[in-house]
PDB file of N, CA and C in Angstrom:
ATOM      1  N   UNK A   1      18.432  14.890  44.403  1.00  0.00           N
ATOM      2  CA  UNK A   1      17.540  14.958  43.679  1.00  0.00           C
ATOM      3  C   UNK A   1      18.189  13.626  43.648  1.00  0.00           C
ATOM      4  N   UNK A   2      17.009  12.617  43.425  1.00  0.00           N
ATOM      5  CA  UNK A   2      17.944  11.484  43.129  1.00  0.00           C
ATOM      6  C   UNK A   2      18.489  10.859  42.238  1.00  0.00           C
ATOM      7  N   UNK A   3      19.612   9.756  42.301  1.00  0.00           N
ATOM      8  CA  UNK A   3      19.688   9.113  40.504  1.00  0.00           C
ATOM      9  C   UNK A   3      18.359   9.108  39.431  1.00  0.00           C
ATOM     10  N   UNK A   4      17.435   8.502  40.112  1.00  0.00           N
ATOM     11  CA  UNK A   4      16.279   8.297  39.230  1.00  0.00           C
ATOM     12  C   UNK A   4      15.881   9.371  38.275  1.00  0.00           C
ATOM     13  N   UNK A   5      15.361  10.768  39.194  1.00  0.00           N
ATOM     14  CA  UNK A   5      15.146  12.246  38.745  1.00  0.00           C
ATOM     15  C   UNK A   5      16.338  13.006  37.677  1.00  0.00           C
ATOM     16  N   UNK A   6      17.616  12.634  38.318  1.00  0.00           N
ATOM     17  CA  UNK A   6      18.733  12.916  36.931  1.00  0.00           C
ATOM     18  C   UNK A   6      19.276  11.880  36.499  1.00  0.00           C
ATOM     19  N   UNK A   7      18.274  10.659  35.981  1.00  0.00           N
ATOM     20  CA  UNK A   7      18.275  10.037  34.467  1.00  0.00           C
ATOM     21  C   UNK A   7      17.250  10.479  34.028  1.00  0.00           C
ATOM     22  N   UNK A   8      15.936  10.548  34.464  1.00  0.00           N
ATOM     23  CA  UNK A   8      14.447  10.903  33.521  1.00  0.00           C
ATOM     24  C   UNK A   8      14.390  12.136  33.259  1.00  0.00           C
ATOM     25  N   UNK A   9      14.311  12.832  33.663  1.00  0.00           N
ATOM     26  CA  UNK A   9      13.996  14.741  34.666  1.00  0.00           C
ATOM     27  C   UNK A   9      12.500  14.533  34.254  1.00  0.00           C
ATOM     28  N   UNK A  10      11.925  12.737  34.646  1.00  0.00           N
ATOM     29  CA  UNK A  10      10.308  13.408  34.234  1.00  0.00           C
ATOM     30  C   UNK A  10       9.882  13.005  32.340  1.00  0.00           C
ATOM     31  N   UNK A  11      10.533  12.556  31.712  1.00  0.00           N
ATOM     32  CA  UNK A  11      11.059  12.564  30.425  1.00  0.00           C
ATOM     33  C   UNK A  11       9.529  11.630  30.902  1.00  0.00           C
ATOM     34  N   UNK A  12       8.308  11.937  29.126  1.00  0.00           N
ATOM     35  CA  UNK A  12       7.954  11.845  28.346  1.00  0.00           C
ATOM     36  C   UNK A  12       7.675  10.198  27.885  1.00  0.00           C
ATOM     37  N   UNK A  13       7.930   9.466  27.754  1.00  0.00           N
ATOM     38  CA  UNK A  13       8.038   7.674  27.267  1.00  0.00           C
ATOM     39  C   UNK A  13       6.953   6.892  26.865  1.00  0.00           C
ATOM     40  N   UNK A  14       6.494   7.533  25.007  1.00  0.00           N
ATOM     41  CA  UNK A  14       5.463   6.055  24.713  1.00  0.00           C
ATOM     42  C   UNK A  14       5.275   4.828  25.011  1.00  0.00           C
ATOM     43  N   UNK A  15       5.118   3.973  25.112  1.00  0.00           N
ATOM     44  CA  UNK A  15       5.710   2.553  24.819  1.00  0.00           C
ATOM     45  C   UNK A  15       4.118   2.190  24.174  1.00  0.00           C
ATOM     46  N   UNK A  16       4.970   1.083  23.236  1.00  0.00           N
ATOM     47  CA  UNK A  16       3.921   0.370  21.920  1.00  0.00           C
ATOM     48  C   UNK A  16       4.786  -0.706  21.757  1.00  0.00           C
ATOM     49  N   UNK A  17       3.629  -2.217  22.437  1.00  0.00           N
ATOM     50  CA  UNK A  17       4.299  -3.145  22.986  1.00  0.00           C
ATOM     51  C   UNK A  17       2.519  -4.309  22.707  1.00  0.00           C
ATOM     52  N   UNK A  18       1.940  -5.110  21.413  1.00  0.00           N
ATOM     53  CA  UNK A  18       1.478  -6.292  21.946  1.00  0.00           C
ATOM     54  C   UNK A  18       1.498  -7.019  22.618  1.00  0.00           C
ATOM     55  N   UNK A  19       2.636  -7.305  23.254  1.00  0.00           N
ATOM     56  CA  UNK A  19       3.173  -8.659  24.704  1.00  0.00           C
ATOM     57  C   UNK A  19       2.243  -7.659  25.814  1.00  0.00           C
ATOM     58  N   UNK A  20       0.882  -8.054  26.846  1.00  0.00           N
ATOM     59  CA  UNK A  20       1.172  -7.600  27.440  1.00  0.00           C
ATOM     60  C   UNK A  20       1.433  -6.929  29.048  1.00  0.00           C
ATOM     61  N   UNK A  21       2.053  -8.149  28.993  1.00  0.00           N
ATOM     62  CA  UNK A  21       3.551  -8.804  30.030  1.00  0.00           C
ATOM     63  C   UNK A  21       4.423  -7.849  29.982  1.00  0.00           C
ATOM     64  N   UNK A  22       5.501  -8.150  28.425  1.00  0.00           N
ATOM     65  CA  UNK A  22       6.835  -7.414  28.870  1.00  0.00           C
ATOM     66  C   UNK A  22       5.473  -5.937  28.352  1.00  0.00           C
ATOM     67  N   UNK A  23       4.755  -5.493  28.531  1.00  0.00           N
ATOM     68  CA  UNK A  23       4.440  -3.707  28.040  1.00  0.00           C
ATOM     69  C   UNK A  23       4.355  -3.534  29.625  1.00  0.00           C
ATOM     70  N   UNK A  24       3.905  -4.807  30.583  1.00  0.00           N
ATOM     71  CA  UNK A  24       3.214  -3.861  31.913  1.00  0.00           C
ATOM     72  C   UNK A  24       4.801  -3.272  32.812  1.00  0.00           C
ATOM     73  N   UNK A  25       5.919  -4.543  32.578  1.00  0.00           N
ATOM     74  CA  UNK A  25       6.982  -5.051  33.658  1.00  0.00           C
ATOM     75  C   UNK A  25       7.493  -3.736  32.470  1.00  0.00           C
ATOM     76  N   UNK A  26       7.825  -2.927  31.721  1.00  0.00           N
ATOM     77  CA  UNK A  26       8.640  -2.187  30.700  1.00  0.00           C
ATOM     78  C   UNK A  26       7.949  -0.537  31.840  1.00  0.00           C
ATOM     79  N   UNK A  27       6.823  -0.793  31.869  1.00  0.00           N
ATOM     80  CA  UNK A  27       6.002   1.018  31.823  1.00  0.00           C
ATOM     81  C   UNK A  27       6.599   0.305  33.326  1.00  0.00           C
ATOM     82  N   UNK A  28       6.415  -0.401  34.216  1.00  0.00           N
ATOM     83  CA  UNK A  28       7.145  -0.240  35.968  1.00  0.00           C
ATOM     84  C   UNK A  28       8.969  -0.289  35.586  1.00  0.00           C
ATOM     85  N   UNK A  29       9.124  -0.652  34.800  1.00  0.00           N
ATOM     86  CA  UNK A  29      10.668  -0.286  35.730  1.00  0.00           C
ATOM     87  C   UNK A  29      10.702   1.489  35.210  1.00  0.00           C
ATOM     88  N   UNK A  30      10.511   2.216  33.847  1.00  0.00           N
ATOM     89  CA  UNK A  30      10.539   3.364  33.467  1.00  0.00           C
ATOM     90  C   UNK A  30       9.713   4.137  34.791  1.00  0.00           C
ATOM     91  N   UNK A  31       8.424   3.797  35.565  1.00  0.00           N
ATOM     92  CA  UNK A  31       8.100   4.692  36.216  1.00  0.00           C
ATOM     93  C   UNK A  31       8.540   4.517  37.028  1.00  0.00           C
ATOM     94  N   UNK A  32       9.467   3.485  37.889  1.00  0.00           N
ATOM     95  CA  UNK A  32       9.748   3.654  38.790  1.00  0.00           C
ATOM     96  C   UNK A  32      11.419   3.966  38.217  1.00  0.00           C
ATOM     97  N   UNK A  33      12.172   4.540  37.447  1.00  0.00           N
ATOM     98  CA  UNK A  33      13.022   5.344  37.177  1.00  0.00           C
ATOM     99  C   UNK A  33      12.270   7.039  37.161  1.00  0.00           C
ATOM    100  N   UNK A  34      11.182   6.786  37.009  1.00  0.00           N
ATOM    101  CA  UNK A  34      10.946   8.267  36.871  1.00  0.00           C
ATOM    102  C   UNK A  34      10.552   8.641  35.862  1.00  0.00           C
ATOM    103  N   UNK A  35      10.359   8.057  34.982  1.00  0.00           N
ATOM    104  CA  UNK A  35       9.822   8.561  33.728  1.00  0.00           C
ATOM    105  C   UNK A  35       8.397   8.495  34.005  1.00  0.00           C
ATOM    106  N   UNK A  36       8.132   9.369  32.844  1.00  0.00           N
ATOM    107  CA  UNK A  36       6.434   9.030  32.977  1.00  0.00           C
ATOM    108  C   UNK A  36       5.525   8.029  31.634  1.00  0.00           C
ATOM    109  N   UNK A  37       5.451   7.380  32.253  1.00  0.00           N
ATOM    110  CA  UNK A  37       4.953   6.581  30.792  1.00  0.00           C
ATOM    111  C   UNK A  37       3.510   6.095  30.455  1.00  0.00           C
ATOM    112  N   UNK A  38       3.293   6.488  29.425  1.00  0.00           N
ATOM    113  CA  UNK A  38       2.351   6.365  28.903  1.00  0.00           C
ATOM    114  C   UNK A  38       2.048   4.484  28.038  1.00  0.00           C
ATOM    115  N   UNK A  39       1.657   3.636  28.015  1.00  0.00           N
ATOM    116  CA  UNK A  39       1.249   2.886  27.301  1.00  0.00           C
ATOM    117  C   UNK A  39       0.349   1.886  27.180  1.00  0.00           C
ATOM    118  N   UNK A  40       0.660   1.431  25.610  1.00  0.00           N
ATOM    119  CA  UNK A  40      -0.462   1.055  25.309  1.00  0.00           C
ATOM    120  C   UNK A  40      -0.770  -0.690  23.911  1.00  0.00           C
ATOM    121  N   UNK A  41      -1.212  -1.566  24.051  1.00  0.00           N
ATOM    122  CA  UNK A  41      -0.950  -2.505  23.295  1.00  0.00           C
ATOM    123  C   UNK A  41      -1.560  -1.796  21.401  1.00  0.00           C
ATOM    124  N   UNK A  42      -1.924  -1.787  21.135  1.00  0.00           N
ATOM    125  CA  UNK A  42      -2.447  -1.616  20.467  1.00  0.00           C
ATOM    126  C   UNK A  42      -2.091  -0.671  19.136  1.00  0.00           C
ATOM    127  N   UNK A  43      -1.184  -0.740  18.483  1.00  0.00           N
ATOM    128  CA  UNK A  43      -0.459   1.179  17.717  1.00  0.00           C
ATOM    129  C   UNK A  43      -1.771   2.374  17.815  1.00  0.00           C
ATOM    130  N   UNK A  44      -3.229   2.219  17.051  1.00  0.00           N
ATOM    131  CA  UNK A  44      -4.184   2.562  17.341  1.00  0.00           C
ATOM    132  C   UNK A  44      -4.292   3.471  18.437  1.00  0.00           C
ATOM    133  N   UNK A  45      -4.382   3.443  19.808  1.00  0.00           N
ATOM    134  CA  UNK A  45      -4.258   3.856  20.560  1.00  0.00           C
ATOM    135  C   UNK A  45      -3.392   5.004  21.085  1.00  0.00           C
ATOM    136  N   UNK A  46      -2.719   4.190  20.675  1.00  0.00           N
ATOM    137  CA  UNK A  46      -1.079   5.180  21.026  1.00  0.00           C
ATOM    138  C   UNK A  46      -1.233   6.151  19.726  1.00  0.00           C
ATOM    139  N   UNK A  47      -1.536   5.947  18.886  1.00  0.00           N
ATOM    140  CA  UNK A  47      -2.531   7.085  17.960  1.00  0.00           C
ATOM    141  C   UNK A  47      -2.840   8.447  18.599  1.00  0.00           C
ATOM    142  N   UNK A  48      -4.300   7.511  18.814  1.00  0.00           N
ATOM    143  CA  UNK A  48      -5.043   8.581  19.711  1.00  0.00           C
ATOM    144  C   UNK A  48      -4.137   9.587  20.381  1.00  0.00           C
ATOM    145  N   UNK A  49      -3.779   8.770  21.852  1.00  0.00           N
ATOM    146  CA  UNK A  49      -3.047   9.559  23.264  1.00  0.00           C
ATOM    147  C   UNK A  49      -2.154  10.442  22.641  1.00  0.00           C
ATOM    148  N   UNK A  50      -1.056   9.642  22.105  1.00  0.00           N
ATOM    149  CA  UNK A  50      -0.359  10.886  21.926  1.00  0.00           C
ATOM    150  C   UNK A  50      -0.130  11.976  21.710  1.00  0.00           C
ATOM    151  N   UNK A  51      -1.547  13.133  20.663  1.00  0.00           N
ATOM    152  CA  UNK A  51      -0.717  14.988  20.826  1.00  0.00           C
ATOM    153  C   UNK A  51      -1.079  15.498  21.502  1.00  0.00           C
ATOM    154  N   UNK A  52      -2.120  14.685  22.798  1.00  0.00           N
ATOM    155  CA  UNK A  52      -1.828  14.670  24.081  1.00  0.00           C
ATOM    156  C   UNK A  52      -1.263  14.646  25.301  1.00  0.00           C
ATOM    157  N   UNK A  53      -0.792  13.770  24.982  1.00  0.00           N
ATOM    158  CA  UNK A  53       0.815  13.290  25.512  1.00  0.00           C
ATOM    159  C   UNK A  53       1.861  13.647  25.090  1.00  0.00           C
ATOM    160  N   UNK A  54       1.882  13.862  23.559  1.00  0.00           N
ATOM    161  CA  UNK A  54       3.153  14.815  23.716  1.00  0.00           C
ATOM    162  C   UNK A  54       4.910  13.960  24.390  1.00  0.00           C
ATOM    163  N   UNK A  55       5.181  12.622  23.542  1.00  0.00           N
ATOM    164  CA  UNK A  55       6.255  12.013  24.450  1.00  0.00           C
ATOM    165  C   UNK A  55       7.074  12.622  23.124  1.00  0.00           C
ATOM    166  N   UNK A  56       8.226  12.229  24.827  1.00  0.00           N
ATOM    167  CA  UNK A  56       9.737  13.070  23.892  1.00  0.00           C
ATOM    168  C   UNK A  56      10.669  11.886  23.186  1.00  0.00           C
ATOM    169  N   UNK A  57      10.161  10.627  23.826  1.00  0.00           N
ATOM    170  CA  UNK A  57      10.528   8.810  22.840  1.00  0.00           C
ATOM    171  C   UNK A  57       9.117   8.037  23.104  1.00  0.00           C
ATOM    172  N   UNK A  58       9.443   7.681  21.651  1.00  0.00           N
ATOM    173  CA  UNK A  58       8.865   6.604  21.672  1.00  0.00           C
ATOM    174  C   UNK A  58       9.364   5.165  21.627  1.00  0.00           C
ATOM    175  N   UNK A  59       8.772   4.225  22.350  1.00  0.00           N
ATOM    176  CA  UNK A  59       9.607   2.377  22.031  1.00  0.00           C
ATOM    177  C   UNK A  59       8.531   1.917  21.890  1.00  0.00           C
ATOM    178  N   UNK A  60       9.042   1.799  20.348  1.00  0.00           N
ATOM    179  CA  UNK A  60       7.891   0.540  19.676  1.00  0.00           C
ATOM    180  C   UNK A  60       8.095  -0.500  19.226  1.00  0.00           C
ATOM    181  N   UNK A  61       7.674  -1.071  19.427  1.00  0.00           N
ATOM    182  CA  UNK A  61       7.373  -2.911  19.246  1.00  0.00           C
ATOM    183  C   UNK A  61       7.591  -2.818  17.481  1.00  0.00           C
ATOM    184  N   UNK A  62       8.091  -3.689  16.681  1.00  0.00           N
ATOM    185  CA  UNK A  62       8.201  -3.472  15.541  1.00  0.00           C
ATOM    186  C   UNK A  62       7.123  -4.763  14.801  1.00  0.00           C
ATOM    187  N   UNK A  63       6.848  -5.773  15.574  1.00  0.00           N
ATOM    188  CA  UNK A  63       6.587  -6.721  15.206  1.00  0.00           C
ATOM    189  C   UNK A  63       4.627  -6.805  15.139  1.00  0.00           C
ATOM    190  N   UNK A  64       4.425  -5.575  15.222  1.00  0.00           N
ATOM    191  CA  UNK A  64       3.315  -5.035  15.723  1.00  0.00           C
ATOM    192  C   UNK A  64       2.360  -5.922  14.613  1.00  0.00           C
ATOM    193  N   UNK A  65       0.216  -6.455  15.186  1.00  0.00           N
ATOM    194  CA  UNK A  65      -0.460  -7.016  14.196  1.00  0.00           C
ATOM    195  C   UNK A  65      -1.049  -5.914  13.533  1.00  0.00           C
ATOM    196  N   UNK A  66      -1.158  -5.537  12.550  1.00  0.00           N
ATOM    197  CA  UNK A  66      -2.334  -4.916  12.121  1.00  0.00           C
ATOM    198  C   UNK A  66      -1.477  -3.902  11.315  1.00  0.00           C
ATOM    199  N   UNK A  67      -0.831  -2.448  12.396  1.00  0.00           N
ATOM    200  CA  UNK A  67       0.090  -2.203  11.696  1.00  0.00           C
ATOM    201  C   UNK A  67       2.299  -1.727  12.211  1.00  0.00           C
ATOM    202  N   UNK A  68       3.017  -1.892  12.092  1.00  0.00           N
ATOM    203  CA  UNK A  68       3.724  -2.501  12.601  1.00  0.00           C
ATOM    204  C   UNK A  68       4.467  -1.527  12.782  1.00  0.00           C
ATOM    205  N   UNK A  69       5.276  -1.102  13.786  1.00  0.00           N
ATOM    206  CA  UNK A  69       6.205  -0.147  14.296  1.00  0.00           C
ATOM    207  C   UNK A  69       6.114   0.420  13.242  1.00  0.00           C
ATOM    208  N   UNK A  70       7.067   0.820  12.353  1.00  0.00           N
ATOM    209  CA  UNK A  70       7.869   1.799  10.969  1.00  0.00           C
ATOM    210  C   UNK A  70       6.551   2.767  10.794  1.00  0.00           C
ATOM    211  N   UNK A  71       5.423   1.567  10.624  1.00  0.00           N
ATOM    212  CA  UNK A  71       3.931   2.070  10.115  1.00  0.00           C
ATOM    213  C   UNK A  71       4.047   3.152  11.311  1.00  0.00           C
ATOM    214  N   UNK A  72       3.830   2.660  12.105  1.00  0.00           N
ATOM    215  CA  UNK A  72       3.951   3.343  13.610  1.00  0.00           C
ATOM    216  C   UNK A  72       4.408   4.844  13.941  1.00  0.00           C
ATOM    217  N   UNK A  73       5.807   4.622  13.643  1.00  0.00           N
ATOM    218  CA  UNK A  73       6.610   5.981  13.583  1.00  0.00           C
ATOM    219  C   UNK A  73       6.799   6.616  12.126  1.00  0.00           C
ATOM    220  N   UNK A  74       5.443   6.201  11.865  1.00  0.00           N
ATOM    221  CA  UNK A  74       5.692   6.616   9.964  1.00  0.00           C
ATOM    222  C   UNK A  74       4.715   8.329  10.767  1.00  0.00           C
ATOM    223  N   UNK A  75       3.295   7.466  11.131  1.00  0.00           N
ATOM    224  CA  UNK A  75       1.931   8.166  11.501  1.00  0.00           C
ATOM    225  C   UNK A  75       2.141   8.915  12.282  1.00  0.00           C
ATOM    226  N   UNK A  76       3.503   8.740  13.635  1.00  0.00           N
ATOM    227  CA  UNK A  76       3.113   9.633  14.420  1.00  0.00           C
ATOM    228  C   UNK A  76       4.316  10.899  13.881  1.00  0.00           C
ATOM    229  N   UNK A  77       5.153  10.674  13.542  1.00  0.00           N
ATOM    230  CA  UNK A  77       5.767  11.994  12.681  1.00  0.00           C
ATOM    231  C   UNK A  77       5.107  12.763  11.917  1.00  0.00           C
ATOM    232  N   UNK A  78       4.255  12.370  11.107  1.00  0.00           N
ATOM    233  CA  UNK A  78       3.480  12.808  10.642  1.00  0.00           C
ATOM    234  C   UNK A  78       2.696  13.778  11.203  1.00  0.00           C
ATOM    235  N   UNK A  79       1.999  13.292  12.707  1.00  0.00           N
ATOM    236  CA  UNK A  79       1.002  13.696  13.449  1.00  0.00           C
ATOM    237  C   UNK A  79       1.957  15.308  13.536  1.00  0.00           C
ATOM    238  N   UNK A  80       4.067  15.900  13.081  1.00  0.00           N
ATOM    239  CA  UNK A  80       4.241  16.502  14.136  1.00  0.00           C
ATOM    240  C   UNK A  80       5.180  15.959  14.979  1.00  0.00           C
ATOM    241  N   UNK A  81       4.840  14.698  15.551  1.00  0.00           N
ATOM    242  CA  UNK A  81       5.995  14.503  17.028  1.00  0.00           C
ATOM    243  C   UNK A  81       6.996  14.395  16.535  1.00  0.00           C
ATOM    244  N   UNK A  82       8.138  15.296  17.515  1.00  0.00           N
ATOM    245  CA  UNK A  82       9.339  15.289  17.041  1.00  0.00           C
ATOM    246  C   UNK A  82      10.468  14.862  18.594  1.00  0.00           C
ATOM    247  N   UNK A  83       9.901  13.307  18.085  1.00  0.00           N
ATOM    248  CA  UNK A  83      10.462  12.391  18.985  1.00  0.00           C
ATOM    249  C   UNK A  83      11.190  11.551  18.712  1.00  0.00           C
ATOM    250  N   UNK A  84      12.535  11.236  19.616  1.00  0.00           N
ATOM    251  CA  UNK A  84      13.680   9.992  19.498  1.00  0.00           C
ATOM    252  C   UNK A  84      12.515   9.438  19.250  1.00  0.00           C
ATOM    253  N   UNK A  85      12.915   8.032  18.532  1.00  0.00           N
ATOM    254  CA  UNK A  85      12.391   6.575  18.707  1.00  0.00           C
ATOM    255  C   UNK A  85      12.967   5.628  19.230  1.00  0.00           C
ATOM    256  N   UNK A  86      12.418   4.860  19.107  1.00  0.00           N
ATOM    257  CA  UNK A  86      13.458   3.127  20.040  1.00  0.00           C
ATOM    258  C   UNK A  86      13.000   2.095  19.498  1.00  0.00           C
ATOM    259  N   UNK A  87      13.536   1.352  18.564  1.00  0.00           N
ATOM    260  CA  UNK A  87      13.118   0.202  17.626  1.00  0.00           C
ATOM    261  C   UNK A  87      12.766  -0.927  18.950  1.00  0.00           C
ATOM    262  N   UNK A  88      12.210  -1.910  19.868  1.00  0.00           N
ATOM    263  CA  UNK A  88      11.966  -2.183  20.424  1.00  0.00           C
ATOM    264  C   UNK A  88      11.352  -4.379  20.066  1.00  0.00           C
ATOM    265  N   UNK A  89      12.494  -5.205  19.787  1.00  0.00           N
ATOM    266  CA  UNK A  89      11.838  -5.916  18.590  1.00  0.00           C
ATOM    267  C   UNK A  89      12.732  -6.947  18.947  1.00  0.00           C
ATOM    268  N   UNK A  90      11.754  -8.074  18.636  1.00  0.00           N
ATOM    269  CA  UNK A  90      12.552  -9.459  18.489  1.00  0.00           C
ATOM    270  C   UNK A  90      13.505  -9.635  16.890  1.00  0.00           C
ATOM    271  N   UNK A  91      13.591  -8.904  16.678  1.00  0.00           N
ATOM    272  CA  UNK A  91      14.289  -8.760  15.216  1.00  0.00           C
ATOM    273  C   UNK A  91      15.768  -8.042  15.850  1.00  0.00           C
ATOM    274  N   UNK A  92      16.201  -8.768  15.001  1.00  0.00           N
ATOM    275  CA  UNK A  92      17.993  -8.013  15.774  1.00  0.00           C
ATOM    276  C   UNK A  92      18.688  -8.553  14.609  1.00  0.00           C
ATOM    277  N   UNK A  93      18.572  -9.167  13.488  1.00  0.00           N
ATOM    278  CA  UNK A  93      19.173  -9.416  12.432  1.00  0.00           C
ATOM    279  C   UNK A  93      20.727  -7.969  11.510  1.00  0.00           C
ATOM    280  N   UNK A  94      21.321  -8.361  11.136  1.00  0.00           N
ATOM    281  CA  UNK A  94      21.841  -7.101  10.506  1.00  0.00           C
ATOM    282  C   UNK A  94      21.121  -5.859   9.097  1.00  0.00           C
ATOM    283  N   UNK A  95      20.046  -6.883   8.625  1.00  0.00           N
ATOM    284  CA  UNK A  95      19.027  -6.166   8.190  1.00  0.00           C
ATOM    285  C   UNK A  95      17.619  -5.516   8.537  1.00  0.00           C
ATOM    286  N   UNK A  96      17.484  -6.315   9.917  1.00  0.00           N
ATOM    287  CA  UNK A  96      16.798  -5.430  10.963  1.00  0.00           C
ATOM    288  C   UNK A  96      16.945  -3.723  10.646  1.00  0.00           C
ATOM    289  N   UNK A  97      18.161  -4.136  11.278  1.00  0.00           N
ATOM    290  CA  UNK A  97      18.182  -2.795  12.311  1.00  0.00           C
ATOM    291  C   UNK A  97      18.923  -1.594  10.788  1.00  0.00           C
ATOM    292  N   UNK A  98      19.429  -2.126  10.493  1.00  0.00           N
ATOM    293  CA  UNK A  98      19.041  -1.547   8.480  1.00  0.00           C
ATOM    294  C   UNK A  98      17.944  -0.605   8.192  1.00  0.00           C
ATOM    295  N   UNK A  99      16.472  -1.652   8.225  1.00  0.00           N
ATOM    296  CA  UNK A  99      15.495  -1.158   8.278  1.00  0.00           C
ATOM    297  C   UNK A  99      15.509  -0.018   9.390  1.00  0.00           C
ATOM    298  N   UNK A 100      15.164  -0.358  10.657  1.00  0.00           N
ATOM    299  CA  UNK A 100      15.191   0.895  11.228  1.00  0.00           C
ATOM    300  C   UNK A 100      15.346   1.980  11.538  1.00  0.00           C
ATOM    301  N   UNK A 101      16.848   1.829  10.378  1.00  0.00           N
ATOM    302  CA  UNK A 101      17.469   3.114  11.308  1.00  0.00           C
ATOM    303  C   UNK A 101      16.864   3.614   9.669  1.00  0.00           C
ATOM    304  N   UNK A 102      17.152   3.661   8.587  1.00  0.00           N
ATOM    305  CA  UNK A 102      15.780   3.896   7.571  1.00  0.00           C
ATOM    306  C   UNK A 102      14.943   4.810   7.314  1.00  0.00           C
ATOM    307  N   UNK A 103      14.489   3.442   8.027  1.00  0.00           N
ATOM    308  CA  UNK A 103      12.693   4.211   8.868  1.00  0.00           C
ATOM    309  C   UNK A 103      12.921   5.123   9.817  1.00  0.00           C
ATOM    310  N   UNK A 104      13.866   5.233   9.892  1.00  0.00           N
ATOM    311  CA  UNK A 104      14.090   7.125  11.388  1.00  0.00           C
ATOM    312  C   UNK A 104      14.020   5.944  12.918  1.00  0.00           C
ATOM    313  N   UNK A 105      13.852   5.372  12.680  1.00  0.00           N
ATOM    314  CA  UNK A 105      14.433   4.757  14.564  1.00  0.00           C
ATOM    315  C   UNK A 105      15.609   5.593  14.652  1.00  0.00           C
ATOM    316  N   UNK A 106      16.359   6.344  15.990  1.00  0.00           N
ATOM    317  CA  UNK A 106      17.339   6.522  16.812  1.00  0.00           C
ATOM    318  C   UNK A 106      17.496   5.456  17.605  1.00  0.00           C
ATOM    319  N   UNK A 107      16.777   4.090  17.689  1.00  0.00           N
ATOM    320  CA  UNK A 107      17.846   3.030  17.650  1.00  0.00           C
ATOM    321  C   UNK A 107      17.402   2.140  18.592  1.00  0.00           C
ATOM    322  N   UNK A 108      18.400   0.402  17.604  1.00  0.00           N
ATOM    323  CA  UNK A 108      17.731  -0.504  17.653  1.00  0.00           C
ATOM    324  C   UNK A 108      17.899  -1.252  18.211  1.00  0.00           C
ATOM    325  N   UNK A 109      17.014  -1.641  19.804  1.00  0.00           N
ATOM    326  CA  UNK A 109      16.976  -3.084  20.869  1.00  0.00           C
ATOM    327  C   UNK A 109      17.006  -3.970  20.172  1.00  0.00           C
ATOM    328  N   UNK A 110      17.156  -4.951  20.531  1.00  0.00           N
ATOM    329  CA  UNK A 110      16.423  -6.425  20.643  1.00  0.00           C
ATOM    330  C   UNK A 110      16.155  -7.139  22.337  1.00  0.00           C
ATOM    331  N   UNK A 111      15.217  -8.203  21.711  1.00  0.00           N
ATOM    332  CA  UNK A 111      14.296  -8.801  23.058  1.00  0.00           C
ATOM    333  C   UNK A 111      14.982  -9.505  23.399  1.00  0.00           C
ATOM    334  N   UNK A 112      15.131  -9.883  24.730  1.00  0.00           N
ATOM    335  CA  UNK A 112      14.783  -9.560  25.807  1.00  0.00           C
ATOM    336  C   UNK A 112      15.668  -8.679  26.111  1.00  0.00           C
ATOM    337  N   UNK A 113      15.482  -7.245  26.555  1.00  0.00           N
ATOM    338  CA  UNK A 113      16.525  -5.906  26.383  1.00  0.00           C
ATOM    339  C   UNK A 113      16.380  -5.820  27.924  1.00  0.00           C
ATOM    340  N   UNK A 114      18.156  -6.089  28.286  1.00  0.00           N
ATOM    341  CA  UNK A 114      17.912  -4.838  29.825  1.00  0.00           C
ATOM    342  C   UNK A 114      17.822  -3.646  29.874  1.00  0.00           C
ATOM    343  N   UNK A 115      18.068  -3.803  30.620  1.00  0.00           N
ATOM    344  CA  UNK A 115      17.286  -1.992  31.399  1.00  0.00           C
ATOM    345  C   UNK A 115      18.091  -1.299  31.324  1.00  0.00           C
ATOM    346  N   UNK A 116      19.773  -1.690  31.709  1.00  0.00           N
ATOM    347  CA  UNK A 116      20.403  -0.524  31.063  1.00  0.00           C
ATOM    348  C   UNK A 116      20.751   0.315  29.859  1.00  0.00           C
ATOM    349  N   UNK A 117      21.534  -0.618  28.797  1.00  0.00           N
ATOM    350  CA  UNK A 117      20.482  -0.524  27.596  1.00  0.00           C
ATOM    351  C   UNK A 117      19.318   0.922  27.196  1.00  0.00           C
ATOM    352  N   UNK A 118      17.994  -0.189  27.657  1.00  0.00           N
ATOM    353  CA  UNK A 118      16.900   0.429  27.488  1.00  0.00           C
ATOM    354  C   UNK A 118      16.505   2.311  27.616  1.00  0.00           C
ATOM    355  N   UNK A 119      17.569   2.289  28.747  1.00  0.00           N
ATOM    356  CA  UNK A 119      17.504   3.733  29.943  1.00  0.00           C
ATOM    357  C   UNK A 119      18.920   4.392  29.251  1.00  0.00           C
ATOM    358  N   UNK A 120      19.942   3.852  28.656  1.00  0.00           N
ATOM    359  CA  UNK A 120      20.446   5.042  27.968  1.00  0.00           C
ATOM    360  C   UNK A 120      20.418   5.369  26.404  1.00  0.00           C
ATOM    361  N   UNK A 121      19.435   4.442  25.638  1.00  0.00           N
ATOM    362  CA  UNK A 121      18.735   4.982  24.395  1.00  0.00           C
ATOM    363  C   UNK A 121      17.655   6.454  24.694  1.00  0.00           C
ATOM    364  N   UNK A 122      16.529   5.940  25.773  1.00  0.00           N
ATOM    365  CA  UNK A 122      16.288   7.117  26.971  1.00  0.00           C
ATOM    366  C   UNK A 122      16.323   8.148  26.837  1.00  0.00           C
ATOM    367  N   UNK A 123      17.867   8.430  27.007  1.00  0.00           N
ATOM    368  CA  UNK A 123      18.415   9.434  26.610  1.00  0.00           C
ATOM    369  C   UNK A 123      18.667  10.761  25.937  1.00  0.00           C
ATOM    370  N   UNK A 124      18.885  11.749  26.170  1.00  0.00           N
ATOM    371  CA  UNK A 124      18.623  13.328  25.289  1.00  0.00           C
ATOM    372  C   UNK A 124      20.065  12.906  24.949  1.00  0.00           C
ATOM    373  N   UNK A 125      20.151  12.910  23.447  1.00  0.00           N
ATOM    374  CA  UNK A 125      21.757  12.928  22.345  1.00  0.00           C
ATOM    375  C   UNK A 125      22.662  13.519  23.414  1.00  0.00           C
ATOM    376  N   UNK A 126      22.054  14.770  23.433  1.00  0.00           N
ATOM    377  CA  UNK A 126      22.686  16.261  24.016  1.00  0.00           C
ATOM    378  C   UNK A 126      23.575  15.471  25.140  1.00  0.00           C
ATOM    379  N   UNK A 127      22.766  14.238  25.803  1.00  0.00           N
ATOM    380  CA  UNK A 127      23.116  14.004  27.178  1.00  0.00           C
ATOM    381  C   UNK A 127      24.532  13.260  28.068  1.00  0.00           C
TER     382      UNK A 127
END
């Protein structure tokens, strides 16, 4: 088993970010680490795909146009998606962290994110 396999074990990750370059870069990086990744530039596309993909972790940008990441997380949960939620955002003030925690995000990361903290956020709590 490679180090990447031991870290990710094929964990399904849903990425949502309207910054296409950031989205593609994260998708490739996580794929290289052994994660099964689906990425979407819009919340609507993510909501459509999530029921069949059944992600174990959702990495959501907060500042999405139209429907923000808070609302997207709420809708994913209301669809019965019991995933781990990671906010990946440009908003990094303490009030932003407090708001993401209150909205049910398990982890709050600020952009630009380093790979190590992101990988740590994707690990199951009991790992």
